[in-house]
Protein backbone atom coordinates (compact mmCIF):
# COMPACT_ATOMS: atom_id res chain seq x y z
CA MET A 1 0.29 -0.20 0.19
CA MET A 2 2.83 2.91 0.84
CA ASP A 3 4.92 2.09 -2.12
CA VAL A 4 1.48 2.61 -4.46
CA LEU A 5 0.37 5.48 -2.58
CA GLY A 6 4.09 6.80 -1.65
CA THR A 7 4.95 6.67 -5.55
CA ALA A 8 1.67 9.07 -6.39
CA PHE A 9 2.32 11.43 -3.55
CA LEU A 10 5.70 11.95 -4.60
CA LEU A 11 4.09 12.52 -8.06
CA SER A 12 1.35 14.72 -6.75
CA VAL A 13 3.84 17.16 -4.84
CA VAL A 14 6.09 17.43 -8.10
CA LEU A 15 3.44 18.54 -9.90
CA LEU A 16 2.17 20.81 -7.27
CA GLY A 17 5.61 22.48 -7.32
CA ILE A 18 5.49 24.31 -10.49
CA HIS A 19 2.30 24.43 -10.87
CA SER A 20 0.94 26.54 -7.56
CA TYR A 21 2.70 29.35 -9.71
CA PHE A 22 1.57 28.68 -13.13
CA GLY A 23 -2.15 28.64 -11.21
CA ILE A 24 -1.65 32.12 -9.10
CA GLU A 25 -0.62 33.92 -12.43
CA ILE A 26 -3.39 32.43 -14.21
CA ILE A 27 -5.64 33.65 -12.02
CA LYS A 28 -4.70 37.03 -11.43
CA ARG A 29 -4.81 37.62 -15.13
CA GLY A 30 -8.49 36.20 -15.82
CA ILE A 31 -7.60 33.35 -18.28
CA ILE A 32 -8.96 30.71 -15.54
CA PHE A 33 -9.31 28.13 -18.67
CA THR A 34 -6.06 28.36 -20.31
CA ASP A 35 -4.84 25.31 -18.69
CA LEU A 36 -8.06 23.48 -19.91
CA ALA A 37 -7.37 24.67 -23.45
CA ILE A 38 -3.77 24.32 -23.62
CA GLY A 39 -3.59 20.75 -21.67
CA GLN A 40 -6.50 19.76 -24.20
CA MET A 41 -4.35 21.23 -27.28
CA ALA A 42 -1.68 18.85 -25.76
CA ALA A 43 -4.47 15.98 -25.65
CA LEU A 44 -5.46 16.17 -29.30
CA GLY A 45 -1.55 15.99 -30.62
CA ALA A 46 -1.23 12.65 -28.21
CA ALA A 47 -4.62 11.39 -29.95
CA ILE A 48 -2.98 12.00 -33.01
CA SER A 49 0.32 10.29 -32.31
CA LEU A 50 -1.93 7.06 -31.32
CA MET A 51 -4.25 7.11 -33.97
CA PHE A 52 -1.67 7.80 -37.00
CA PHE A 53 1.66 6.68 -35.43
CA GLU A 54 0.64 3.97 -32.78
CA GLY A 55 1.94 5.99 -29.89
CA GLN A 56 5.42 7.05 -31.10
CA TYR A 57 6.21 10.27 -31.11
CA LEU A 58 3.85 11.32 -28.55
CA TYR A 59 6.04 13.84 -26.11
CA LEU A 60 6.88 15.99 -28.90
CA ILE A 61 3.58 16.18 -31.48
CA SER A 62 1.63 17.06 -28.02
CA LEU A 63 4.60 19.62 -26.98
CA SER A 64 4.12 20.77 -30.66
CA PHE A 65 0.19 21.43 -30.40
CA ALA A 66 0.51 22.98 -26.85
CA LEU A 67 3.40 25.57 -27.64
CA PHE A 68 1.09 26.12 -30.98
CA ALA A 69 -1.46 26.57 -28.19
CA GLY A 70 0.21 28.79 -25.95
CA PHE A 71 1.59 31.20 -28.71
CA LEU A 72 -1.87 31.76 -29.75
CA ASN A 73 -2.53 32.46 -26.14
CA SER A 74 0.29 35.42 -26.09
CA ILE A 75 -1.04 36.99 -29.08
CA ALA A 76 -4.78 36.47 -27.75
CA ILE A 77 -4.57 37.83 -24.36
CA ARG A 78 -3.43 41.46 -26.02
CA ASN A 79 -5.33 41.45 -29.08
CA VAL A 80 -8.53 39.77 -27.83
CA LYS A 81 -11.38 41.84 -26.43
CA HIS A 82 -12.71 38.48 -25.15
CA VAL A 83 -10.06 36.31 -24.74
CA GLU A 84 -11.96 33.81 -22.18
CA ALA A 85 -14.45 33.04 -25.46
CA PHE A 86 -11.28 32.33 -27.78
CA ILE A 87 -9.69 30.44 -25.10
CA GLY A 88 -13.24 28.10 -24.92
CA LEU A 89 -13.23 27.76 -28.47
CA MET A 90 -9.81 26.43 -28.57
CA TYR A 91 -10.78 24.11 -25.55
CA ALA A 92 -13.86 22.47 -27.68
CA PHE A 93 -11.71 22.30 -30.30
CA GLY A 94 -9.24 20.35 -28.53
CA VAL A 95 -11.96 17.93 -27.22
CA SER A 96 -14.12 17.60 -30.53
CA GLY A 97 -10.86 16.77 -32.20
CA VAL A 98 -9.66 14.10 -29.55
CA PHE A 99 -13.08 12.85 -29.65
CA ILE A 100 -13.42 12.67 -33.13
CA LEU A 101 -9.87 11.22 -33.94
CA LEU A 102 -10.42 8.56 -31.22
CA SER A 103 -14.02 7.40 -32.12
CA LYS A 104 -11.84 5.29 -34.76
CA SER A 105 -9.89 3.27 -32.40
CA ALA A 106 -10.87 0.41 -30.86
CA HIS A 107 -10.01 1.28 -27.64
CA GLY A 108 -11.11 5.20 -27.77
CA THR A 109 -12.81 5.66 -25.00
CA GLU A 110 -10.58 4.13 -22.67
CA GLU A 111 -7.87 6.12 -24.23
CA PHE A 112 -9.76 9.51 -23.90
CA GLN A 113 -10.65 8.76 -20.38
CA LYS A 114 -6.53 8.84 -19.65
CA LEU A 115 -6.28 11.57 -21.60
CA LEU A 116 -8.64 13.20 -19.32
CA ALA A 117 -7.61 12.25 -15.91
CA ALA A 118 -5.28 9.18 -15.67
CA ASP A 119 -4.51 6.37 -12.88
CA ILE A 120 -1.08 8.31 -11.19
CA LEU A 121 -0.92 5.34 -8.65
CA PHE A 122 1.33 3.38 -10.87
CA THR A 123 3.33 6.14 -12.32
CA PRO A 124 7.29 5.02 -12.90
CA LEU A 125 9.16 6.39 -10.39
CA GLY A 126 12.02 7.44 -13.37
CA GLU A 127 8.87 9.70 -15.18
CA ILE A 128 8.77 11.16 -12.05
CA LEU A 129 12.36 11.65 -11.56
CA LYS A 130 12.73 12.95 -15.42
CA THR A 131 9.34 15.22 -14.58
CA ALA A 132 10.90 16.97 -11.61
CA ALA A 133 14.38 17.63 -13.22
CA LEU A 134 12.54 19.44 -16.46
CA TYR A 135 10.62 21.38 -13.70
CA SER A 136 13.02 22.87 -11.97
CA LEU A 137 14.58 23.53 -14.83
CA LEU A 138 11.64 25.30 -16.04
CA GLY A 139 11.24 26.94 -13.17
CA PHE A 140 15.05 27.97 -12.75
CA VAL A 141 14.53 29.70 -16.85
CA LEU A 142 11.11 31.59 -15.13
CA PHE A 143 13.10 33.41 -12.30
CA PHE A 144 15.87 34.81 -13.94
CA LEU A 145 13.96 35.91 -16.38
CA SER A 146 10.93 36.87 -15.51
CA LYS A 147 11.86 39.90 -13.93
CA LYS A 148 13.76 40.83 -16.85
CA VAL A 149 11.52 40.80 -19.73
CA THR A 150 8.59 43.16 -20.32
CA GLY A 151 5.52 43.89 -22.32
CA ARG A 152 4.54 40.77 -25.66
CA LEU A 153 7.95 38.95 -25.07
CA LYS A 154 6.87 38.07 -20.99
CA ASP A 155 3.66 36.70 -22.32
CA VAL A 156 5.83 34.36 -24.52
CA LEU A 157 8.08 33.33 -22.28
CA PHE A 158 4.98 32.43 -19.30
CA PHE A 159 2.96 30.39 -22.20
CA THR A 160 5.79 28.93 -23.47
CA THR A 161 7.23 27.30 -20.05
CA PHE A 162 3.64 26.95 -19.50
CA ALA A 163 3.17 24.55 -22.67
CA VAL A 164 5.84 22.64 -21.58
CA THR A 165 4.75 22.49 -18.30
CA VAL A 166 0.95 21.32 -19.45
CA THR A 167 2.26 18.68 -22.14
CA SER A 168 4.97 16.21 -19.15
CA SER A 169 1.62 16.72 -16.60
CA VAL A 170 -1.20 15.61 -18.71
CA LYS A 171 0.75 13.00 -20.08
CA LEU A 172 1.11 11.81 -16.56
CA ALA A 173 -2.15 12.86 -14.98
CA GLY A 174 -4.59 14.05 -17.56
CA VAL A 175 -6.26 17.39 -19.02
CA PHE A 176 -9.09 17.04 -15.14
CA VAL A 177 -6.11 16.69 -12.87
CA ILE A 178 -3.67 19.46 -13.72
CA PHE A 179 -6.91 22.06 -14.21
CA ALA A 180 -7.46 20.82 -10.54
CA LEU A 181 -3.89 21.04 -9.39
CA LEU A 182 -3.31 24.25 -10.86
CA ILE A 183 -6.27 26.20 -9.84
CA ALA A 184 -8.18 24.75 -6.34
CA PRO A 185 -4.80 24.98 -4.02
CA ALA A 186 -4.35 28.42 -5.84
CA PHE A 187 -7.73 29.90 -5.88
CA ILE A 188 -8.25 29.04 -1.82
CA ALA A 189 -4.27 30.27 -0.84
CA LEU A 190 -5.12 33.85 -2.53
CA ARG A 191 -8.73 33.93 -0.58
CA MET A 192 -6.35 33.99 2.62
CA GLY A 193 -3.83 36.89 1.54
CA ASN A 194 -1.09 37.87 -0.57
CA LYS A 195 1.68 36.69 1.55
CA ARG A 196 3.60 33.25 0.64
CA VAL A 197 0.66 32.31 -1.32
CA ILE A 198 2.90 30.03 -3.61
CA ILE A 199 4.01 27.91 -0.37
CA LYS A 200 0.37 28.20 1.15
CA SER A 201 -1.36 26.55 -2.24
CA TRP A 202 1.20 23.85 -2.25
CA ILE A 203 0.56 23.08 1.25
CA ILE A 204 -2.98 22.88 0.46
CA GLY A 205 -2.87 21.07 -2.61
CA ILE A 206 -0.57 18.76 -1.02
CA ILE A 207 -2.92 17.93 1.91
CA ILE A 208 -6.51 17.63 -0.29
CA ASN A 209 -4.26 15.07 -2.17
CA ILE A 210 -3.47 13.25 0.98
CA VAL A 211 -6.86 12.85 1.20
CA ALA A 212 -8.25 12.17 -2.04
CA LEU A 213 -5.24 9.10 -2.56
CA GLY A 214 -6.22 7.52 0.56
CA VAL A 215 -10.45 7.98 0.28
CA SER A 216 -8.93 6.49 -3.85
CA TYR A 217 -6.99 3.62 -2.47
CA ARG A 218 -9.93 2.82 0.39
CA HIS A 219 -12.63 2.48 -1.85
CA ASP A 220 -10.88 1.97 -5.18
CA PHE A 221 -12.02 5.15 -6.80
CA PRO A 222 -10.51 6.45 -10.24
CA THR A 223 -7.43 8.25 -8.45
CA GLY A 224 -7.83 11.12 -11.36
CA TYR A 225 -11.36 12.09 -11.04
CA THR A 226 -11.41 11.39 -6.96
CA ILE A 227 -8.17 14.17 -7.17
CA VAL A 228 -10.40 16.97 -8.85
CA PHE A 229 -13.49 16.15 -7.17
CA PHE A 230 -11.83 16.39 -3.71
CA HIS A 231 -9.88 19.68 -5.47
CA ALA A 232 -12.99 21.10 -6.26
CA LEU A 233 -15.02 20.15 -3.29
CA ALA A 234 -12.08 22.46 -1.39
CA ALA A 235 -12.31 25.35 -3.63
CA MET A 236 -15.70 25.34 -2.59
CA LEU A 237 -16.18 25.00 0.55
CA SER A 238 -13.52 27.95 0.76
CA THR A 239 -16.16 30.27 -0.06
CA LEU A 240 -17.77 29.36 2.76
CA PHE A 241 -15.25 29.31 5.44
CA ILE A 242 -12.60 31.03 4.05
CA LYS A 243 -12.61 35.39 4.45
CA ASP A 244 -11.35 36.34 1.14
CA LYS A 245 -8.60 38.74 2.57
CA ASN A 246 -8.05 40.26 -1.15
CA GLY A 247 -11.26 41.94 -1.22
CA THR A 248 -13.94 42.13 -4.14
CA GLN A 249 -11.54 43.34 -6.79
CA SER A 250 -12.40 41.99 -9.84
CA LYS A 251 -10.84 39.25 -12.13
CA ILE A 252 -10.67 41.76 -14.86
CA GLU A 253 -9.06 44.29 -13.22
CA HIS A 254 -6.40 41.83 -11.79
CA GLY A 255 -5.68 40.29 -15.18
CA LYS A 256 -4.81 44.43 -16.49
CA LYS A 257 -2.37 44.32 -13.86
CA ALA A 258 -1.11 41.30 -14.31
CA ILE A 259 -0.29 41.89 -18.38
CA GLY A 260 0.32 46.06 -17.53
């Protein structure tokens, strides 16, 4: 039991590390569904690999689609008035593309479910360590470059590193799981104030993951969807039990400040 849960817990900690940063930035920018859109585009790339190349070049094709989606988002955030509508359409494009492709596969439904929410209980340790190394490198790049670039170049840096992160994350955990890990802990942490938000987000996410993994293992529930369920539940309950210390400033105002 501890071997299985230990590996899954380690993966959840690795995923939460960099996603806490991205989640906070995305909420501040007011582009909440960017992760779903870019993640779904990465999933579309994976579906193309599965359908036409028998799973070969999966990461490369997924990354190409995610980078293209990230590039489009970096342009849309400055040039499109109703950017959330654009992001929603990108997500719809990715979902419909995956459905169309996998409808021709004998195992299409099973493959689609894995792309949405994978079972992280049996993720190989080697994959987790490689992902941790990649995220450390991306974090290093963001730390040293984000304060040195401005304007459109800063948007390109943000969405490029985000696309690379999401591609690796979707491969391991699925689109919905990554969305939950990205948004829910950051949402709760931001409601608690602006001090040490990333640390609070990481701690909150780890606690929720421990509960979700325990319940999933004990009751034999689908691991990915159990994680999504508990993260969403915790975020919803936080609106009842945690007073928002950031006031009532709208996400649009936050977004304008973020992309200034």
